[in-house]
Amino acid sequence: MEIKKMATAGSLESSDVLVTIEPNNDQKINLTINSPFIRQFGQQMKKIALTTLTNLQVKNCNLVIQDQGAIDEVLVARIITALERATESVIRY
């Protein structure tokens, strides 16, 4: 899946997450997670993000997750929405 431009989805409101995705030339996924709950849920957020990207065949991008207490399903939905905006296509997941 080719990421054409930077895109975001979500917000910084309580119980939500702001996801920013952009193309890179590193041939790898660069993941940054910012959250007040990083110690408790950081590994789970990383696993969800990488699994979602792998399932959608994303091989290289910069992904920034700014979590404010979102549940797992919201994180997946925000990643997919950001990818749809960045690739200018509809994704069936």
N, C-alpha and C. Protein backbone atom coordinates (compact mmCIF):
# COMPACT_ATOMS: atom_id res chain seq x y z
N MET A 1 0.85 -1.17 0.00
CA MET A 1 0.00 0.00 0.00
C MET A 1 0.90 1.23 0.00
N GLU A 2 0.65 2.13 -0.94
CA GLU A 2 1.48 3.33 -1.07
C GLU A 2 0.84 4.52 -0.36
N ILE A 3 1.59 5.09 0.56
CA ILE A 3 1.13 6.28 1.27
C ILE A 3 1.58 7.48 0.46
N LYS A 4 0.61 8.29 0.02
CA LYS A 4 0.89 9.40 -0.88
C LYS A 4 1.16 10.72 -0.16
N LYS A 5 0.55 10.89 1.02
CA LYS A 5 0.67 12.17 1.72
C LYS A 5 0.45 11.97 3.21
N MET A 6 0.76 13.00 3.98
CA MET A 6 0.51 12.96 5.42
C MET A 6 -0.99 13.07 5.66
N ALA A 7 -1.47 12.32 6.67
CA ALA A 7 -2.89 12.38 7.02
C ALA A 7 -3.05 12.11 8.51
N THR A 8 -4.15 12.61 9.06
CA THR A 8 -4.45 12.39 10.47
C THR A 8 -5.87 11.89 10.63
N ALA A 9 -6.13 11.32 11.79
CA ALA A 9 -7.48 10.91 12.17
C ALA A 9 -7.56 10.93 13.68
N GLY A 10 -8.72 11.31 14.20
CA GLY A 10 -8.93 11.34 15.63
C GLY A 10 -8.75 12.72 16.23
N SER A 11 -8.64 12.75 17.55
CA SER A 11 -8.49 14.02 18.27
C SER A 11 -7.71 13.78 19.55
N LEU A 12 -7.45 14.85 20.25
CA LEU A 12 -6.77 14.77 21.54
C LEU A 12 -7.74 14.86 22.71
N GLU A 13 -9.02 14.63 22.42
CA GLU A 13 -10.03 14.62 23.47
C GLU A 13 -9.85 13.38 24.35
N SER A 14 -10.39 13.43 25.55
CA SER A 14 -10.32 12.30 26.46
C SER A 14 -10.96 11.07 25.83
N SER A 15 -10.37 9.93 26.02
CA SER A 15 -10.83 8.64 25.49
C SER A 15 -10.72 8.53 23.97
N ASP A 16 -9.91 9.35 23.34
CA ASP A 16 -9.68 9.29 21.91
C ASP A 16 -8.19 9.18 21.65
N VAL A 17 -7.82 9.14 20.39
CA VAL A 17 -6.42 9.06 19.99
C VAL A 17 -6.26 9.82 18.68
N LEU A 18 -5.16 10.55 18.57
CA LEU A 18 -4.83 11.25 17.33
C LEU A 18 -3.73 10.46 16.65
N VAL A 19 -4.02 10.00 15.42
CA VAL A 19 -3.07 9.21 14.65
C VAL A 19 -2.61 10.05 13.46
N THR A 20 -1.31 10.14 13.28
CA THR A 20 -0.71 10.83 12.13
C THR A 20 0.16 9.84 11.39
N ILE A 21 -0.06 9.77 10.08
CA ILE A 21 0.74 8.87 9.25
C ILE A 21 1.29 9.65 8.07
N GLU A 22 2.52 9.33 7.70
CA GLU A 22 3.14 10.00 6.57
C GLU A 22 4.11 9.05 5.89
N PRO A 23 4.39 9.28 4.61
CA PRO A 23 5.32 8.41 3.90
C PRO A 23 6.75 8.64 4.38
N ASN A 24 7.58 7.62 4.21
CA ASN A 24 9.01 7.78 4.44
C ASN A 24 9.77 6.94 3.43
N ASN A 25 11.05 7.11 3.36
CA ASN A 25 11.89 6.36 2.44
C ASN A 25 12.79 5.37 3.16
N ASP A 26 12.49 5.09 4.41
CA ASP A 26 13.34 4.23 5.23
C ASP A 26 13.13 2.74 4.97
N GLN A 27 12.09 2.39 4.23
CA GLN A 27 11.74 0.99 4.00
C GLN A 27 11.44 0.25 5.30
N LYS A 28 10.93 0.99 6.28
CA LYS A 28 10.51 0.38 7.54
C LYS A 28 9.43 1.25 8.16
N ILE A 29 8.81 0.74 9.19
CA ILE A 29 7.78 1.48 9.90
C ILE A 29 8.43 2.14 11.11
N ASN A 30 8.32 3.46 11.18
CA ASN A 30 8.79 4.21 12.35
C ASN A 30 7.56 4.54 13.19
N LEU A 31 7.52 4.02 14.40
CA LEU A 31 6.36 4.17 15.27
C LEU A 31 6.72 4.98 16.50
N THR A 32 5.92 6.01 16.79
CA THR A 32 6.08 6.81 17.99
C THR A 32 4.76 6.81 18.74
N ILE A 33 4.80 6.50 20.02
CA ILE A 33 3.59 6.48 20.84
C ILE A 33 3.77 7.44 22.00
N ASN A 34 2.83 8.36 22.14
CA ASN A 34 2.79 9.28 23.28
C ASN A 34 1.48 9.04 24.01
N SER A 35 1.56 8.75 25.30
CA SER A 35 0.36 8.46 26.08
C SER A 35 0.65 8.59 27.56
N PRO A 36 -0.32 9.09 28.32
CA PRO A 36 -0.14 9.08 29.77
C PRO A 36 -0.24 7.65 30.33
N PHE A 37 -0.65 6.71 29.48
CA PHE A 37 -0.84 5.32 29.91
C PHE A 37 0.20 4.40 29.27
N ILE A 38 1.33 4.97 28.86
CA ILE A 38 2.34 4.22 28.12
C ILE A 38 2.86 3.02 28.91
N ARG A 39 3.04 3.16 30.20
CA ARG A 39 3.55 2.04 31.01
C ARG A 39 2.57 0.89 31.06
N GLN A 40 1.28 1.21 31.13
CA GLN A 40 0.27 0.17 31.23
C GLN A 40 -0.06 -0.46 29.89
N PHE A 41 -0.19 0.37 28.85
CA PHE A 41 -0.74 -0.10 27.59
C PHE A 41 0.17 0.12 26.38
N GLY A 42 1.38 0.57 26.59
CA GLY A 42 2.28 0.88 25.48
C GLY A 42 2.56 -0.32 24.58
N GLN A 43 2.84 -1.46 25.16
CA GLN A 43 3.13 -2.65 24.36
C GLN A 43 1.89 -3.10 23.58
N GLN A 44 0.73 -3.01 24.19
CA GLN A 44 -0.52 -3.38 23.51
C GLN A 44 -0.79 -2.43 22.34
N MET A 45 -0.58 -1.12 22.54
CA MET A 45 -0.79 -0.16 21.46
C MET A 45 0.18 -0.43 20.31
N LYS A 46 1.43 -0.73 20.64
CA LYS A 46 2.43 -1.04 19.61
C LYS A 46 2.02 -2.27 18.82
N LYS A 47 1.59 -3.31 19.52
CA LYS A 47 1.17 -4.55 18.87
C LYS A 47 -0.01 -4.31 17.94
N ILE A 48 -1.01 -3.57 18.41
CA ILE A 48 -2.18 -3.27 17.60
C ILE A 48 -1.80 -2.49 16.35
N ALA A 49 -0.98 -1.47 16.52
CA ALA A 49 -0.58 -0.63 15.39
C ALA A 49 0.18 -1.43 14.35
N LEU A 50 1.17 -2.19 14.78
CA LEU A 50 1.99 -2.96 13.84
C LEU A 50 1.19 -4.07 13.17
N THR A 51 0.30 -4.71 13.91
CA THR A 51 -0.56 -5.75 13.32
C THR A 51 -1.49 -5.16 12.28
N THR A 52 -2.08 -4.01 12.57
CA THR A 52 -2.98 -3.36 11.63
C THR A 52 -2.24 -2.98 10.36
N LEU A 53 -1.07 -2.38 10.50
CA LEU A 53 -0.27 -1.99 9.33
C LEU A 53 0.17 -3.20 8.52
N THR A 54 0.58 -4.26 9.19
CA THR A 54 0.99 -5.48 8.51
C THR A 54 -0.17 -6.10 7.74
N ASN A 55 -1.34 -6.17 8.38
CA ASN A 55 -2.52 -6.73 7.72
C ASN A 55 -2.92 -5.94 6.49
N LEU A 56 -2.62 -4.66 6.48
CA LEU A 56 -2.96 -3.80 5.34
C LEU A 56 -1.78 -3.65 4.38
N GLN A 57 -0.74 -4.43 4.59
CA GLN A 57 0.44 -4.48 3.72
C GLN A 57 1.17 -3.14 3.61
N VAL A 58 1.22 -2.42 4.72
CA VAL A 58 2.00 -1.18 4.78
C VAL A 58 3.42 -1.57 5.20
N LYS A 59 4.39 -1.25 4.38
CA LYS A 59 5.77 -1.66 4.65
C LYS A 59 6.66 -0.52 5.13
N ASN A 60 6.28 0.71 4.82
CA ASN A 60 7.09 1.84 5.29
C ASN A 60 6.20 3.06 5.50
N CYS A 61 6.37 3.67 6.66
CA CYS A 61 5.66 4.89 7.00
C CYS A 61 6.17 5.41 8.34
N ASN A 62 5.83 6.64 8.63
CA ASN A 62 6.01 7.19 9.97
C ASN A 62 4.63 7.25 10.58
N LEU A 63 4.45 6.60 11.72
CA LEU A 63 3.16 6.58 12.40
C LEU A 63 3.34 7.15 13.81
N VAL A 64 2.58 8.19 14.11
CA VAL A 64 2.62 8.80 15.44
C VAL A 64 1.25 8.61 16.09
N ILE A 65 1.25 8.03 17.27
CA ILE A 65 0.03 7.79 18.03
C ILE A 65 0.08 8.67 19.28
N GLN A 66 -0.90 9.55 19.40
CA GLN A 66 -1.02 10.41 20.58
C GLN A 66 -2.30 10.01 21.30
N ASP A 67 -2.14 9.12 22.25
CA ASP A 67 -3.27 8.48 22.92
C ASP A 67 -3.76 9.29 24.12
N GLN A 68 -5.06 9.30 24.28
CA GLN A 68 -5.67 9.94 25.45
C GLN A 68 -6.63 8.97 26.16
N GLY A 69 -6.32 7.67 26.05
CA GLY A 69 -7.14 6.68 26.74
C GLY A 69 -8.13 5.97 25.84
N ALA A 70 -7.85 5.91 24.54
CA ALA A 70 -8.75 5.24 23.60
C ALA A 70 -8.70 3.72 23.79
N ILE A 71 -9.83 3.07 23.54
CA ILE A 71 -9.85 1.61 23.57
C ILE A 71 -9.25 1.08 22.27
N ASP A 72 -8.94 -0.20 22.26
CA ASP A 72 -8.25 -0.82 21.14
C ASP A 72 -8.97 -0.61 19.80
N GLU A 73 -10.27 -0.79 19.79
CA GLU A 73 -11.05 -0.66 18.56
C GLU A 73 -10.98 0.75 17.98
N VAL A 74 -10.93 1.73 18.84
CA VAL A 74 -10.82 3.12 18.38
C VAL A 74 -9.45 3.34 17.74
N LEU A 75 -8.41 2.78 18.34
CA LEU A 75 -7.06 2.91 17.77
C LEU A 75 -7.02 2.31 16.37
N VAL A 76 -7.56 1.12 16.19
CA VAL A 76 -7.59 0.48 14.88
C VAL A 76 -8.36 1.34 13.88
N ALA A 77 -9.52 1.84 14.29
CA ALA A 77 -10.34 2.67 13.40
C ALA A 77 -9.61 3.94 12.99
N ARG A 78 -8.91 4.56 13.91
CA ARG A 78 -8.17 5.79 13.58
C ARG A 78 -7.01 5.49 12.63
N ILE A 79 -6.33 4.39 12.82
CA ILE A 79 -5.23 4.03 11.92
C ILE A 79 -5.78 3.79 10.51
N ILE A 80 -6.87 3.05 10.41
CA ILE A 80 -7.46 2.77 9.10
C ILE A 80 -7.93 4.06 8.43
N THR A 81 -8.57 4.94 9.18
CA THR A 81 -9.04 6.20 8.61
C THR A 81 -7.88 7.07 8.13
N ALA A 82 -6.82 7.15 8.93
CA ALA A 82 -5.65 7.92 8.52
C ALA A 82 -5.04 7.32 7.25
N LEU A 83 -4.99 5.98 7.17
CA LEU A 83 -4.46 5.33 5.98
C LEU A 83 -5.33 5.60 4.75
N GLU A 84 -6.64 5.59 4.92
CA GLU A 84 -7.52 5.90 3.80
C GLU A 84 -7.26 7.30 3.28
N ARG A 85 -7.07 8.23 4.19
CA ARG A 85 -6.80 9.61 3.79
C ARG A 85 -5.41 9.74 3.15
N ALA A 86 -4.45 9.01 3.68
CA ALA A 86 -3.07 9.11 3.17
C ALA A 86 -2.89 8.42 1.82
N THR A 87 -3.69 7.38 1.57
CA THR A 87 -3.57 6.64 0.32
C THR A 87 -4.62 7.05 -0.70
N GLU A 88 -5.56 7.87 -0.25
CA GLU A 88 -6.67 8.31 -1.10
C GLU A 88 -7.43 7.12 -1.67
N SER A 89 -7.71 6.14 -0.82
CA SER A 89 -8.45 4.96 -1.24
C SER A 89 -9.33 4.46 -0.09
N VAL A 90 -10.27 3.59 -0.42
CA VAL A 90 -11.13 2.99 0.58
C VAL A 90 -10.52 1.66 0.98
N ILE A 91 -10.45 1.42 2.28
CA ILE A 91 -9.84 0.20 2.79
C ILE A 91 -10.91 -0.70 3.39
N ARG A 92 -10.90 -1.94 2.99
CA ARG A 92 -11.78 -2.95 3.60
C ARG A 92 -10.92 -3.76 4.56
N TYR A 93 -11.29 -3.73 5.82
CA TYR A 93 -10.46 -4.40 6.84
C TYR A 93 -11.23 -5.52 7.48
